PDB file of all heavy atoms in Angstrom:
ATOM      1  N   GLU A   1     -11.871 -18.336 -30.175  1.00  0.00           N
ATOM      2  CA  GLU A   1     -10.894 -19.137 -30.918  1.00  0.00           C
ATOM      3  C   GLU A   1     -11.052 -18.780 -32.383  1.00  0.00           C
ATOM      4  O   GLU A   1     -12.164 -18.792 -32.925  1.00  0.00           O
ATOM      5  CB  GLU A   1     -11.186 -20.625 -30.700  1.00  0.00           C
ATOM      6  CG  GLU A   1     -10.215 -21.548 -31.399  1.00  0.00           C
ATOM      7  CD  GLU A   1     -10.569 -23.018 -31.202  1.00  0.00           C
ATOM      8  OE1 GLU A   1     -11.739 -23.326 -30.870  1.00  0.00           O
ATOM      9  OE2 GLU A   1      -9.674 -23.853 -31.397  1.00  0.00           O
ATOM     10  N   PHE A   2      -9.938 -18.412 -33.026  1.00  0.00           N
ATOM     11  CA  PHE A   2     -10.027 -17.938 -34.398  1.00  0.00           C
ATOM     12  C   PHE A   2      -8.786 -18.263 -35.201  1.00  0.00           C
ATOM     13  O   PHE A   2      -7.743 -18.615 -34.653  1.00  0.00           O
ATOM     14  CB  PHE A   2     -10.277 -16.416 -34.433  1.00  0.00           C
ATOM     15  CG  PHE A   2      -9.107 -15.614 -33.958  1.00  0.00           C
ATOM     16  CD1 PHE A   2      -8.154 -15.123 -34.852  1.00  0.00           C
ATOM     17  CD2 PHE A   2      -8.944 -15.323 -32.621  1.00  0.00           C
ATOM     18  CE1 PHE A   2      -7.075 -14.373 -34.423  1.00  0.00           C
ATOM     19  CE2 PHE A   2      -7.868 -14.568 -32.180  1.00  0.00           C
ATOM     20  CZ  PHE A   2      -6.929 -14.092 -33.078  1.00  0.00           C
ATOM     21  N   LYS A   3      -8.946 -18.105 -36.512  1.00  0.00           N
ATOM     22  CA  LYS A   3      -7.831 -18.143 -37.445  1.00  0.00           C
ATOM     23  C   LYS A   3      -7.849 -16.849 -38.244  1.00  0.00           C
ATOM     24  O   LYS A   3      -8.909 -16.435 -38.716  1.00  0.00           O
ATOM     25  CB  LYS A   3      -7.929 -19.329 -38.401  1.00  0.00           C
ATOM     26  CG  LYS A   3      -7.663 -20.659 -37.770  1.00  0.00           C
ATOM     27  CD  LYS A   3      -7.767 -21.766 -38.792  1.00  0.00           C
ATOM     28  CE  LYS A   3      -7.521 -23.140 -38.180  1.00  0.00           C
ATOM     29  NZ  LYS A   3      -7.657 -24.206 -39.180  1.00  0.00           N
ATOM     30  N   ALA A   4      -6.696 -16.225 -38.353  1.00  0.00           N
ATOM     31  CA  ALA A   4      -6.545 -15.033 -39.188  1.00  0.00           C
ATOM     32  C   ALA A   4      -5.618 -15.414 -40.340  1.00  0.00           C
ATOM     33  O   ALA A   4      -4.521 -15.925 -40.118  1.00  0.00           O
ATOM     34  CB  ALA A   4      -5.959 -13.883 -38.380  1.00  0.00           C
ATOM     35  N   TYR A   5      -6.083 -15.173 -41.542  1.00  0.00           N
ATOM     36  CA  TYR A   5      -5.314 -15.531 -42.732  1.00  0.00           C
ATOM     37  C   TYR A   5      -4.699 -14.257 -43.307  1.00  0.00           C
ATOM     38  O   TYR A   5      -5.364 -13.224 -43.398  1.00  0.00           O
ATOM     39  CB  TYR A   5      -6.221 -16.167 -43.773  1.00  0.00           C
ATOM     40  CG  TYR A   5      -6.865 -17.459 -43.286  1.00  0.00           C
ATOM     41  CD1 TYR A   5      -8.083 -17.440 -42.619  1.00  0.00           C
ATOM     42  CD2 TYR A   5      -6.240 -18.675 -43.479  1.00  0.00           C
ATOM     43  CE1 TYR A   5      -8.678 -18.602 -42.146  1.00  0.00           C
ATOM     44  CE2 TYR A   5      -6.824 -19.860 -43.034  1.00  0.00           C
ATOM     45  CZ  TYR A   5      -8.024 -19.812 -42.361  1.00  0.00           C
ATOM     46  OH  TYR A   5      -8.596 -20.971 -41.910  1.00  0.00           O
ATOM     47  N   PHE A   6      -3.430 -14.358 -43.680  1.00  0.00           N
ATOM     48  CA  PHE A   6      -2.750 -13.193 -44.233  1.00  0.00           C
ATOM     49  C   PHE A   6      -1.599 -13.612 -45.142  1.00  0.00           C
ATOM     50  O   PHE A   6      -1.190 -14.772 -45.129  1.00  0.00           O
ATOM     51  CB  PHE A   6      -2.222 -12.291 -43.107  1.00  0.00           C
ATOM     52  CG  PHE A   6      -1.217 -12.930 -42.191  1.00  0.00           C
ATOM     53  CD1 PHE A   6       0.156 -12.759 -42.411  1.00  0.00           C
ATOM     54  CD2 PHE A   6      -1.618 -13.688 -41.098  1.00  0.00           C
ATOM     55  CE1 PHE A   6       1.083 -13.337 -41.557  1.00  0.00           C
ATOM     56  CE2 PHE A   6      -0.691 -14.259 -40.253  1.00  0.00           C
ATOM     57  CZ  PHE A   6       0.673 -14.092 -40.489  1.00  0.00           C
ATOM     58  N   LEU A   7      -1.149 -12.675 -45.944  1.00  0.00           N
ATOM     59  CA  LEU A   7       0.052 -12.857 -46.757  1.00  0.00           C
ATOM     60  C   LEU A   7       1.178 -12.137 -46.034  1.00  0.00           C
ATOM     61  O   LEU A   7       1.033 -10.967 -45.659  1.00  0.00           O
ATOM     62  CB  LEU A   7      -0.134 -12.272 -48.160  1.00  0.00           C
ATOM     63  CG  LEU A   7      -1.250 -12.874 -48.990  1.00  0.00           C
ATOM     64  CD1 LEU A   7      -1.369 -12.127 -50.332  1.00  0.00           C
ATOM     65  CD2 LEU A   7      -1.054 -14.352 -49.216  1.00  0.00           C
ATOM     66  N   ASP A   8       2.279 -12.830 -45.818  1.00  0.00           N
ATOM     67  CA  ASP A   8       3.402 -12.209 -45.110  1.00  0.00           C
ATOM     68  C   ASP A   8       4.175 -11.270 -46.033  1.00  0.00           C
ATOM     69  O   ASP A   8       3.766 -11.034 -47.194  1.00  0.00           O
ATOM     70  CB  ASP A   8       4.313 -13.259 -44.467  1.00  0.00           C
ATOM     71  CG  ASP A   8       5.032 -14.139 -45.467  1.00  0.00           C
ATOM     72  OD1 ASP A   8       5.124 -13.793 -46.676  1.00  0.00           O
ATOM     73  OD2 ASP A   8       5.535 -15.195 -45.038  1.00  0.00           O
ATOM     74  N   SER A   9       5.264 -10.710 -45.540  1.00  0.00           N
ATOM     75  CA  SER A   9       6.032  -9.720 -46.315  1.00  0.00           C
ATOM     76  C   SER A   9       6.616 -10.295 -47.604  1.00  0.00           C
ATOM     77  O   SER A   9       6.984  -9.560 -48.505  1.00  0.00           O
ATOM     78  CB  SER A   9       7.127  -9.112 -45.454  1.00  0.00           C
ATOM     79  OG  SER A   9       7.977 -10.132 -44.969  1.00  0.00           O
ATOM     80  N   ASN A  10       6.667 -11.623 -47.712  1.00  0.00           N
ATOM     81  CA  ASN A  10       7.139 -12.288 -48.934  1.00  0.00           C
ATOM     82  C   ASN A  10       5.969 -12.756 -49.795  1.00  0.00           C
ATOM     83  O   ASN A  10       6.150 -13.565 -50.704  1.00  0.00           O
ATOM     84  CB  ASN A  10       8.032 -13.479 -48.605  1.00  0.00           C
ATOM     85  CG  ASN A  10       9.285 -13.046 -47.911  1.00  0.00           C
ATOM     86  OD1 ASN A  10       9.934 -12.061 -48.314  1.00  0.00           O
ATOM     87  ND2 ASN A  10       9.677 -13.747 -46.858  1.00  0.00           N
ATOM     88  N   ASN A  11       4.758 -12.283 -49.451  1.00  0.00           N
ATOM     89  CA  ASN A  11       3.525 -12.666 -50.157  1.00  0.00           C
ATOM     90  C   ASN A  11       3.219 -14.160 -50.036  1.00  0.00           C
ATOM     91  O   ASN A  11       2.547 -14.736 -50.900  1.00  0.00           O
ATOM     92  CB  ASN A  11       3.560 -12.250 -51.632  1.00  0.00           C
ATOM     93  CG  ASN A  11       2.682 -11.062 -51.902  1.00  0.00           C
ATOM     94  OD1 ASN A  11       2.085 -10.507 -50.986  1.00  0.00           O
ATOM     95  ND2 ASN A  11       2.604 -10.658 -53.149  1.00  0.00           N
ATOM     96  N   GLN A  12       3.698 -14.771 -48.967  1.00  0.00           N
ATOM     97  CA  GLN A  12       3.400 -16.184 -48.705  1.00  0.00           C
ATOM     98  C   GLN A  12       2.177 -16.282 -47.788  1.00  0.00           C
ATOM     99  O   GLN A  12       2.097 -15.564 -46.791  1.00  0.00           O
ATOM    100  CB  GLN A  12       4.610 -16.866 -48.034  1.00  0.00           C
ATOM    101  CG  GLN A  12       5.829 -16.932 -48.921  1.00  0.00           C
ATOM    102  CD  GLN A  12       5.561 -17.668 -50.226  1.00  0.00           C
ATOM    103  OE1 GLN A  12       5.097 -18.797 -50.239  1.00  0.00           O
ATOM    104  NE2 GLN A  12       5.837 -16.987 -51.339  1.00  0.00           N
ATOM    105  N   PRO A  13       1.218 -17.175 -48.102  1.00  0.00           N
ATOM    106  CA  PRO A  13       0.045 -17.323 -47.250  1.00  0.00           C
ATOM    107  C   PRO A  13       0.424 -17.869 -45.864  1.00  0.00           C
ATOM    108  O   PRO A  13       1.220 -18.802 -45.749  1.00  0.00           O
ATOM    109  CB  PRO A  13      -0.848 -18.301 -47.995  1.00  0.00           C
ATOM    110  CG  PRO A  13      -0.087 -18.802 -49.158  1.00  0.00           C
ATOM    111  CD  PRO A  13       1.197 -18.049 -49.267  1.00  0.00           C
ATOM    112  N   GLN A  14      -0.160 -17.256 -44.846  1.00  0.00           N
ATOM    113  CA  GLN A  14       0.068 -17.663 -43.460  1.00  0.00           C
ATOM    114  C   GLN A  14      -1.265 -17.732 -42.737  1.00  0.00           C
ATOM    115  O   GLN A  14      -2.239 -17.075 -43.125  1.00  0.00           O
ATOM    116  CB  GLN A  14       0.965 -16.643 -42.742  1.00  0.00           C
ATOM    117  CG  GLN A  14       2.297 -16.387 -43.386  1.00  0.00           C
ATOM    118  CD  GLN A  14       3.234 -17.590 -43.284  1.00  0.00           C
ATOM    119  OE1 GLN A  14       3.147 -18.393 -42.352  1.00  0.00           O
ATOM    120  NE2 GLN A  14       4.119 -17.725 -44.265  1.00  0.00           N
ATOM    121  N   THR A  15      -1.305 -18.543 -41.676  1.00  0.00           N
ATOM    122  CA  THR A  15      -2.486 -18.630 -40.834  1.00  0.00           C
ATOM    123  C   THR A  15      -2.034 -18.430 -39.388  1.00  0.00           C
ATOM    124  O   THR A  15      -1.125 -19.105 -38.911  1.00  0.00           O
ATOM    125  CB  THR A  15      -3.176 -19.999 -40.963  1.00  0.00           C
ATOM    126  OG1 THR A  15      -3.508 -20.215 -42.339  1.00  0.00           O
ATOM    127  CG2 THR A  15      -4.436 -20.049 -40.114  1.00  0.00           C
ATOM    128  N   HIS A  16      -2.679 -17.490 -38.719  1.00  0.00           N
ATOM    129  CA  HIS A  16      -2.436 -17.248 -37.300  1.00  0.00           C
ATOM    130  C   HIS A  16      -3.617 -17.847 -36.552  1.00  0.00           C
ATOM    131  O   HIS A  16      -4.755 -17.393 -36.714  1.00  0.00           O
ATOM    132  CB  HIS A  16      -2.331 -15.739 -37.018  1.00  0.00           C
ATOM    133  CG  HIS A  16      -2.285 -15.395 -35.571  1.00  0.00           C
ATOM    134  ND1 HIS A  16      -1.119 -15.464 -34.845  1.00  0.00           N
ATOM    135  CD2 HIS A  16      -3.260 -15.021 -34.713  1.00  0.00           C
ATOM    136  CE1 HIS A  16      -1.382 -15.114 -33.587  1.00  0.00           C
ATOM    137  NE2 HIS A  16      -2.677 -14.852 -33.505  1.00  0.00           N
ATOM    138  N   TYR A  17      -3.340 -18.891 -35.743  1.00  0.00           N
ATOM    139  CA  TYR A  17      -4.373 -19.507 -34.910  1.00  0.00           C
ATOM    140  C   TYR A  17      -4.209 -18.969 -33.508  1.00  0.00           C
ATOM    141  O   TYR A  17      -3.083 -18.868 -32.986  1.00  0.00           O
ATOM    142  CB  TYR A  17      -4.235 -21.032 -34.891  1.00  0.00           C
ATOM    143  CG  TYR A  17      -5.061 -21.642 -33.770  1.00  0.00           C
ATOM    144  CD1 TYR A  17      -6.405 -21.957 -33.967  1.00  0.00           C
ATOM    145  CD2 TYR A  17      -4.511 -21.835 -32.512  1.00  0.00           C
ATOM    146  CE1 TYR A  17      -7.160 -22.479 -32.925  1.00  0.00           C
ATOM    147  CE2 TYR A  17      -5.261 -22.356 -31.465  1.00  0.00           C
ATOM    148  CZ  TYR A  17      -6.600 -22.670 -31.688  1.00  0.00           C
ATOM    149  OH  TYR A  17      -7.350 -23.166 -30.654  1.00  0.00           O
ATOM    150  N   GLU A  18      -5.336 -18.640 -32.863  1.00  0.00           N
ATOM    151  CA  GLU A  18      -5.259 -18.166 -31.473  1.00  0.00           C
ATOM    152  C   GLU A  18      -6.519 -18.521 -30.719  1.00  0.00           C
ATOM    153  O   GLU A  18      -7.625 -18.480 -31.258  1.00  0.00           O
ATOM    154  CB  GLU A  18      -5.048 -16.656 -31.452  1.00  0.00           C
ATOM    155  CG  GLU A  18      -4.815 -16.102 -30.073  1.00  0.00           C
ATOM    156  CD  GLU A  18      -4.376 -14.640 -30.094  1.00  0.00           C
ATOM    157  OE1 GLU A  18      -3.826 -14.181 -31.108  1.00  0.00           O
ATOM    158  OE2 GLU A  18      -4.601 -13.980 -29.084  1.00  0.00           O
ATOM    159  N   PHE A  19      -6.324 -18.862 -29.450  1.00  0.00           N
ATOM    160  CA  PHE A  19      -7.420 -19.007 -28.499  1.00  0.00           C
ATOM    161  C   PHE A  19      -7.248 -17.860 -27.504  1.00  0.00           C
ATOM    162  O   PHE A  19      -6.330 -17.888 -26.681  1.00  0.00           O
ATOM    163  CB  PHE A  19      -7.372 -20.376 -27.790  1.00  0.00           C
ATOM    164  CG  PHE A  19      -8.530 -20.593 -26.868  1.00  0.00           C
ATOM    165  CD1 PHE A  19      -9.710 -21.147 -27.329  1.00  0.00           C
ATOM    166  CD2 PHE A  19      -8.446 -20.249 -25.524  1.00  0.00           C
ATOM    167  CE1 PHE A  19     -10.784 -21.355 -26.479  1.00  0.00           C
ATOM    168  CE2 PHE A  19      -9.528 -20.448 -24.662  1.00  0.00           C
ATOM    169  CZ  PHE A  19     -10.695 -21.008 -25.143  1.00  0.00           C
ATOM    170  N   SER A  20      -8.062 -16.819 -27.629  1.00  0.00           N
ATOM    171  CA  SER A  20      -7.883 -15.584 -26.870  1.00  0.00           C
ATOM    172  C   SER A  20      -8.824 -15.527 -25.677  1.00  0.00           C
ATOM    173  O   SER A  20      -9.957 -15.991 -25.742  1.00  0.00           O
ATOM    174  CB  SER A  20      -8.177 -14.367 -27.746  1.00  0.00           C
ATOM    175  OG  SER A  20      -7.311 -14.321 -28.831  1.00  0.00           O
ATOM    176  N   THR A  21      -8.350 -14.886 -24.618  1.00  0.00           N
ATOM    177  CA  THR A  21      -9.139 -14.638 -23.427  1.00  0.00           C
ATOM    178  C   THR A  21      -9.320 -13.132 -23.264  1.00  0.00           C
ATOM    179  O   THR A  21      -8.376 -12.363 -23.464  1.00  0.00           O
ATOM    180  CB  THR A  21      -8.447 -15.225 -22.185  1.00  0.00           C
ATOM    181  OG1 THR A  21      -8.209 -16.613 -22.407  1.00  0.00           O
ATOM    182  CG2 THR A  21      -9.303 -15.056 -20.943  1.00  0.00           C
ATOM    183  N   PHE A  22     -10.523 -12.741 -22.890  1.00  0.00           N
ATOM    184  CA  PHE A  22     -10.875 -11.332 -22.734  1.00  0.00           C
ATOM    185  C   PHE A  22     -11.454 -11.090 -21.343  1.00  0.00           C
ATOM    186  O   PHE A  22     -11.958 -12.010 -20.700  1.00  0.00           O
ATOM    187  CB  PHE A  22     -11.917 -10.923 -23.797  1.00  0.00           C
ATOM    188  CG  PHE A  22     -11.384 -11.061 -25.181  1.00  0.00           C
ATOM    189  CD1 PHE A  22     -11.428 -12.283 -25.850  1.00  0.00           C
ATOM    190  CD2 PHE A  22     -10.802  -9.982 -25.827  1.00  0.00           C
ATOM    191  CE1 PHE A  22     -10.932 -12.415 -27.125  1.00  0.00           C
ATOM    192  CE2 PHE A  22     -10.289 -10.120 -27.106  1.00  0.00           C
ATOM    193  CZ  PHE A  22     -10.354 -11.331 -27.753  1.00  0.00           C
ATOM    194  N   LYS A  23     -11.366  -9.822 -20.895  1.00  0.00           N
ATOM    195  CA  LYS A  23     -11.851  -9.473 -19.563  1.00  0.00           C
ATOM    196  C   LYS A  23     -12.721  -8.240 -19.668  1.00  0.00           C
ATOM    197  O   LYS A  23     -12.347  -7.266 -20.319  1.00  0.00           O
ATOM    198  CB  LYS A  23     -10.662  -9.196 -18.647  1.00  0.00           C
ATOM    199  CG  LYS A  23     -11.048  -8.892 -17.226  1.00  0.00           C
ATOM    200  CD  LYS A  23      -9.817  -8.772 -16.337  1.00  0.00           C
ATOM    201  CE  LYS A  23     -10.240  -8.599 -14.899  1.00  0.00           C
ATOM    202  NZ  LYS A  23      -9.099  -8.574 -14.010  1.00  0.00           N
ATOM    203  N   LEU A  24     -13.875  -8.286 -18.998  1.00  0.00           N
ATOM    204  CA  LEU A  24     -14.765  -7.141 -18.907  1.00  0.00           C
ATOM    205  C   LEU A  24     -14.432  -6.379 -17.633  1.00  0.00           C
ATOM    206  O   LEU A  24     -14.439  -6.956 -16.546  1.00  0.00           O
ATOM    207  CB  LEU A  24     -16.228  -7.583 -18.882  1.00  0.00           C
ATOM    208  CG  LEU A  24     -17.287  -6.488 -18.811  1.00  0.00           C
ATOM    209  CD1 LEU A  24     -17.213  -5.602 -20.044  1.00  0.00           C
ATOM    210  CD2 LEU A  24     -18.668  -7.110 -18.661  1.00  0.00           C
ATOM    211  N   GLU A  25     -14.095  -5.113 -17.786  1.00  0.00           N
ATOM    212  CA  GLU A  25     -13.706  -4.287 -16.637  1.00  0.00           C
ATOM    213  C   GLU A  25     -14.204  -2.864 -16.870  1.00  0.00           C
ATOM    214  O   GLU A  25     -13.962  -2.295 -17.925  1.00  0.00           O
ATOM    215  CB  GLU A  25     -12.179  -4.301 -16.505  1.00  0.00           C
ATOM    216  CG  GLU A  25     -11.658  -3.737 -15.209  1.00  0.00           C
ATOM    217  CD  GLU A  25     -10.162  -4.024 -15.073  1.00  0.00           C
ATOM    218  OE1 GLU A  25      -9.826  -5.099 -14.575  1.00  0.00           O
ATOM    219  OE2 GLU A  25      -9.384  -3.152 -15.479  1.00  0.00           O
ATOM    220  N   ASN A  26     -14.928  -2.317 -15.885  1.00  0.00           N
ATOM    221  CA  ASN A  26     -15.490  -0.967 -16.000  1.00  0.00           C
ATOM    222  C   ASN A  26     -16.301  -0.790 -17.299  1.00  0.00           C
ATOM    223  O   ASN A  26     -16.155   0.203 -17.990  1.00  0.00           O
ATOM    224  CB  ASN A  26     -14.389   0.094 -15.911  1.00  0.00           C
ATOM    225  CG  ASN A  26     -13.650   0.033 -14.592  1.00  0.00           C
ATOM    226  OD1 ASN A  26     -14.257  -0.211 -13.562  1.00  0.00           O
ATOM    227  ND2 ASN A  26     -12.352   0.240 -14.633  1.00  0.00           N
ATOM    228  N   ASP A  27     -17.127  -1.773 -17.592  1.00  0.00           N
ATOM    229  CA  ASP A  27     -18.007  -1.753 -18.774  1.00  0.00           C
ATOM    230  C   ASP A  27     -17.267  -1.718 -20.095  1.00  0.00           C
ATOM    231  O   ASP A  27     -17.816  -1.280 -21.117  1.00  0.00           O
ATOM    232  CB  ASP A  27     -18.990  -0.583 -18.696  1.00  0.00           C
ATOM    233  CG  ASP A  27     -19.987  -0.745 -17.560  1.00  0.00           C
ATOM    234  OD1 ASP A  27     -20.415  -1.884 -17.300  1.00  0.00           O
ATOM    235  OD2 ASP A  27     -20.333   0.275 -16.940  1.00  0.00           O
ATOM    236  N   ALA A  28     -16.023  -2.162 -20.121  1.00  0.00           N
ATOM    237  CA  ALA A  28     -15.259  -2.237 -21.369  1.00  0.00           C
ATOM    238  C   ALA A  28     -14.556  -3.578 -21.446  1.00  0.00           C
ATOM    239  O   ALA A  28     -14.065  -4.091 -20.437  1.00  0.00           O
ATOM    240  CB  ALA A  28     -14.234  -1.102 -21.437  1.00  0.00           C
TER     241      ALA A  28
END
C-alpha cells in the first residue's frame, strides 16, 4: 500500500494512492 506524489502536466500536486497485489512466479 503506497502513495506516489507527483506534479501533473499543469504542475499541480497530485497523489496516487494504491493497494497493489503482486505474484511470485518462476522466481520472479
